[in-house]
Amino acid sequence: MPRRPNTPCKHPGCARLVPYGTMYCEEHAPLHYHDTKSTKEKGYNRRWQRARKNFLASHPLCVRCQQQGKAVPATVVDHIIPHRGDPKLFWDQKNWQPLCKSCHDTKTMTEDRYQDYHY
C-alpha cells in the first residue's frame, strides 16, 4: 500500500516537508505548542464557563462594534493580551473584553495569531 506524501509545515513562509499528520517542522513546533492542546488543557473548563456567562451578562455588547456606533450582542469573552497558558493572565478580568464572534475571529487572526518576541 502506498504511503501518503509529506506535507509542508503550516508555519507561514516555511516550506519544509513534515510527515503527513504533523502540522509543524521541529523548528516551528515550539512556537505553536498551544495550538495542539485541547480547550480543557488550555483552561476553558466549567469554572471558565461560569465566569464567562457572568461577564457577558454584565457586559452584553461587543466593544469593537460599539466603537463603530453599532449595538451588537457579545458572544465571546476575549483575552485582550493572549494568556498563552499563564493562569494569572487568564483569570485577570481587566484583561477580558466582550466581543461578537466576527470581531473576535478578526482580532485572533490579525493580532493574536503568533507570539511576538521582543529583544
C-alpha atoms as a PDB file:
ATOM      1  CA  MET A   1       0.000   0.000   0.000  1.00  0.00           C
ATOM      2  CA  PRO A   2       1.419   3.428  -0.921  1.00  0.00           C
ATOM      3  CA  ARG A   3       2.347   5.900   1.778  1.00  0.00           C
ATOM      4  CA  ARG A   4       0.943   9.411   1.944  1.00  0.00           C
ATOM      5  CA  PRO A   5       3.356  12.119   0.840  1.00  0.00           C
ATOM      6  CA  ASN A   6       4.907  14.558   3.275  1.00  0.00           C
ATOM      7  CA  THR A   7       3.180  17.937   3.594  1.00  0.00           C
ATOM      8  CA  PRO A   8       4.615  21.447   4.049  1.00  0.00           C
ATOM      9  CA  CYS A   9       4.986  22.906   7.536  1.00  0.00           C
ATOM     10  CA  LYS A  10       1.928  25.051   8.397  1.00  0.00           C
ATOM     11  CA  HIS A  11       4.042  27.947   9.724  1.00  0.00           C
ATOM     12  CA  PRO A  12       3.805  30.898   7.296  1.00  0.00           C
ATOM     13  CA  GLY A  13       6.736  31.025   4.911  1.00  0.00           C
ATOM     14  CA  CYS A  14       8.164  27.638   5.871  1.00  0.00           C
ATOM     15  CA  ALA A  15       8.398  25.147   3.020  1.00  0.00           C
ATOM     16  CA  ARG A  16       9.977  22.267   4.950  1.00  0.00           C
ATOM     17  CA  LEU A  17       8.210  18.954   4.472  1.00  0.00           C
ATOM     18  CA  VAL A  18       6.875  17.111   7.516  1.00  0.00           C
ATOM     19  CA  PRO A  19       5.302  13.655   7.778  1.00  0.00           C
ATOM     20  CA  TYR A  20       1.606  13.503   6.953  1.00  0.00           C
ATOM     21  CA  GLY A  21      -0.450  14.253  10.073  1.00  0.00           C
ATOM     22  CA  THR A  22       2.235  16.503  11.571  1.00  0.00           C
ATOM     23  CA  MET A  23       1.474  20.205  11.404  1.00  0.00           C
ATOM     24  CA  TYR A  24       4.837  21.895  12.040  1.00  0.00           C
ATOM     25  CA  CYS A  25       8.516  21.185  11.494  1.00  0.00           C
ATOM     26  CA  GLU A  26      10.823  20.763  14.503  1.00  0.00           C
ATOM     27  CA  GLU A  27      11.916  24.413  14.320  1.00  0.00           C
ATOM     28  CA  HIS A  28       8.383  25.869  14.383  1.00  0.00           C
ATOM     29  CA  ALA A  29       6.611  23.323  16.620  1.00  0.00           C
ATOM     30  CA  PRO A  30       7.629  25.155  19.844  1.00  0.00           C
ATOM     31  CA  LEU A  31       6.019  28.349  18.517  1.00  0.00           C
ATOM     32  CA  HIS A  32       2.696  26.570  18.055  1.00  0.00           C
ATOM     33  CA  TYR A  33       2.601  24.209  21.034  1.00  0.00           C
ATOM     34  CA  HIS A  34      -0.560  25.922  22.288  1.00  0.00           C
ATOM     35  CA  ASP A  35      -2.406  25.061  19.050  1.00  0.00           C
ATOM     36  CA  THR A  36      -2.353  21.340  19.796  1.00  0.00           C
ATOM     37  CA  LYS A  37      -3.769  21.453  23.343  1.00  0.00           C
ATOM     38  CA  SER A  38      -7.426  20.721  23.978  1.00  0.00           C
ATOM     39  CA  THR A  39      -9.656  23.507  25.284  1.00  0.00           C
ATOM     40  CA  LYS A  40      -9.774  21.828  28.682  1.00  0.00           C
ATOM     41  CA  GLU A  41      -5.960  21.755  28.818  1.00  0.00           C
ATOM     42  CA  LYS A  42      -5.941  25.468  27.952  1.00  0.00           C
ATOM     43  CA  GLY A  43      -8.099  26.246  30.990  1.00  0.00           C
ATOM     44  CA  TYR A  44     -11.544  26.533  29.394  1.00  0.00           C
ATOM     45  CA  ASN A  45     -13.371  24.323  31.887  1.00  0.00           C
ATOM     46  CA  ARG A  46     -16.592  24.577  33.894  1.00  0.00           C
ATOM     47  CA  ARG A  47     -15.151  27.348  36.067  1.00  0.00           C
ATOM     48  CA  TRP A  48     -14.412  29.356  32.917  1.00  0.00           C
ATOM     49  CA  GLN A  49     -17.915  28.749  31.549  1.00  0.00           C
ATOM     50  CA  ARG A  50     -19.431  30.208  34.732  1.00  0.00           C
ATOM     51  CA  ALA A  51     -17.090  33.223  34.721  1.00  0.00           C
ATOM     52  CA  ARG A  52     -17.737  33.796  31.001  1.00  0.00           C
ATOM     53  CA  LYS A  53     -21.511  33.672  31.491  1.00  0.00           C
ATOM     54  CA  ASN A  54     -21.381  36.187  34.361  1.00  0.00           C
ATOM     55  CA  PHE A  55     -19.040  38.503  32.444  1.00  0.00           C
ATOM     56  CA  LEU A  56     -21.260  38.508  29.344  1.00  0.00           C
ATOM     57  CA  ALA A  57     -24.329  39.157  31.500  1.00  0.00           C
ATOM     58  CA  SER A  58     -22.714  42.318  32.870  1.00  0.00           C
ATOM     59  CA  HIS A  59     -21.094  43.313  29.528  1.00  0.00           C
ATOM     60  CA  PRO A  60     -23.685  42.389  26.860  1.00  0.00           C
ATOM     61  CA  LEU A  61     -22.365  44.396  23.873  1.00  0.00           C
ATOM     62  CA  CYS A  62     -19.304  43.967  21.662  1.00  0.00           C
ATOM     63  CA  VAL A  63     -16.815  46.738  22.481  1.00  0.00           C
ATOM     64  CA  ARG A  64     -15.371  46.910  18.947  1.00  0.00           C
ATOM     65  CA  CYS A  65     -18.791  47.233  17.341  1.00  0.00           C
ATOM     66  CA  GLN A  66     -19.717  49.912  19.905  1.00  0.00           C
ATOM     67  CA  GLN A  67     -16.655  51.908  18.827  1.00  0.00           C
ATOM     68  CA  GLN A  68     -18.139  51.880  15.300  1.00  0.00           C
ATOM     69  CA  GLY A  69     -21.549  53.010  16.578  1.00  0.00           C
ATOM     70  CA  LYS A  70     -23.218  49.592  16.291  1.00  0.00           C
ATOM     71  CA  ALA A  71     -25.016  47.682  19.048  1.00  0.00           C
ATOM     72  CA  VAL A  72     -24.118  44.017  18.504  1.00  0.00           C
ATOM     73  CA  PRO A  73     -24.509  41.390  21.254  1.00  0.00           C
ATOM     74  CA  ALA A  74     -21.247  39.980  22.593  1.00  0.00           C
ATOM     75  CA  THR A  75     -20.927  36.201  22.490  1.00  0.00           C
ATOM     76  CA  VAL A  76     -17.216  35.759  23.285  1.00  0.00           C
ATOM     77  CA  VAL A  77     -15.043  36.832  26.202  1.00  0.00           C
ATOM     78  CA  ASP A  78     -11.704  37.739  24.655  1.00  0.00           C
ATOM     79  CA  HIS A  79      -8.361  37.976  26.426  1.00  0.00           C
ATOM     80  CA  ILE A  80      -7.004  41.380  25.375  1.00  0.00           C
ATOM     81  CA  ILE A  81      -3.439  40.159  25.906  1.00  0.00           C
ATOM     82  CA  PRO A  82      -3.295  36.456  24.914  1.00  0.00           C
ATOM     83  CA  HIS A  83      -2.689  34.401  28.059  1.00  0.00           C
ATOM     84  CA  ARG A  84      -0.709  31.625  26.309  1.00  0.00           C
ATOM     85  CA  GLY A  85      -1.214  29.337  29.312  1.00  0.00           C
ATOM     86  CA  ASP A  86      -0.461  31.898  32.051  1.00  0.00           C
ATOM     87  CA  PRO A  87      -3.200  31.331  34.698  1.00  0.00           C
ATOM     88  CA  LYS A  88      -2.730  34.777  36.265  1.00  0.00           C
ATOM     89  CA  LEU A  89      -3.336  36.494  32.918  1.00  0.00           C
ATOM     90  CA  PHE A  90      -6.103  34.029  32.054  1.00  0.00           C
ATOM     91  CA  TRP A  91      -8.207  34.890  35.128  1.00  0.00           C
ATOM     92  CA  ASP A  92      -7.443  38.648  35.258  1.00  0.00           C
ATOM     93  CA  GLN A  93     -10.802  40.264  34.449  1.00  0.00           C
ATOM     94  CA  LYS A  94      -9.049  43.522  33.495  1.00  0.00           C
ATOM     95  CA  ASN A  95      -7.667  41.501  30.573  1.00  0.00           C
ATOM     96  CA  TRP A  96     -11.147  40.456  29.365  1.00  0.00           C
ATOM     97  CA  GLN A  97     -13.331  42.193  26.810  1.00  0.00           C
ATOM     98  CA  PRO A  98     -16.717  41.259  25.347  1.00  0.00           C
ATOM     99  CA  LEU A  99     -16.677  40.712  21.575  1.00  0.00           C
ATOM    100  CA  CYS A 100     -19.020  39.342  18.943  1.00  0.00           C
ATOM    101  CA  LYS A 101     -17.740  36.242  17.126  1.00  0.00           C
ATOM    102  CA  SER A 102     -16.862  38.206  13.995  1.00  0.00           C
ATOM    103  CA  CYS A 103     -14.720  40.748  15.869  1.00  0.00           C
ATOM    104  CA  HIS A 104     -13.112  38.005  17.960  1.00  0.00           C
ATOM    105  CA  ASP A 105     -12.166  35.948  14.892  1.00  0.00           C
ATOM    106  CA  THR A 106     -10.719  39.030  13.174  1.00  0.00           C
ATOM    107  CA  LYS A 107      -8.700  40.021  16.259  1.00  0.00           C
ATOM    108  CA  THR A 108      -7.412  36.494  16.794  1.00  0.00           C
ATOM    109  CA  MET A 109      -6.247  36.075  13.196  1.00  0.00           C
ATOM    110  CA  THR A 110      -4.621  39.510  12.926  1.00  0.00           C
ATOM    111  CA  GLU A 111      -3.318  40.426  16.386  1.00  0.00           C
ATOM    112  CA  ASP A 112      -3.068  37.252  18.478  1.00  0.00           C
ATOM    113  CA  ARG A 113      -2.064  34.615  15.978  1.00  0.00           C
ATOM    114  CA  TYR A 114       1.683  34.419  16.517  1.00  0.00           C
ATOM    115  CA  GLN A 115       3.760  35.003  19.564  1.00  0.00           C
ATOM    116  CA  ASP A 116       5.787  38.205  19.470  1.00  0.00           C
ATOM    117  CA  TYR A 117       9.364  38.103  20.646  1.00  0.00           C
ATOM    118  CA  HIS A 118      10.956  41.307  21.876  1.00  0.00           C
ATOM    119  CA  TYR A 119      14.710  41.520  22.408  1.00  0.00           C
END
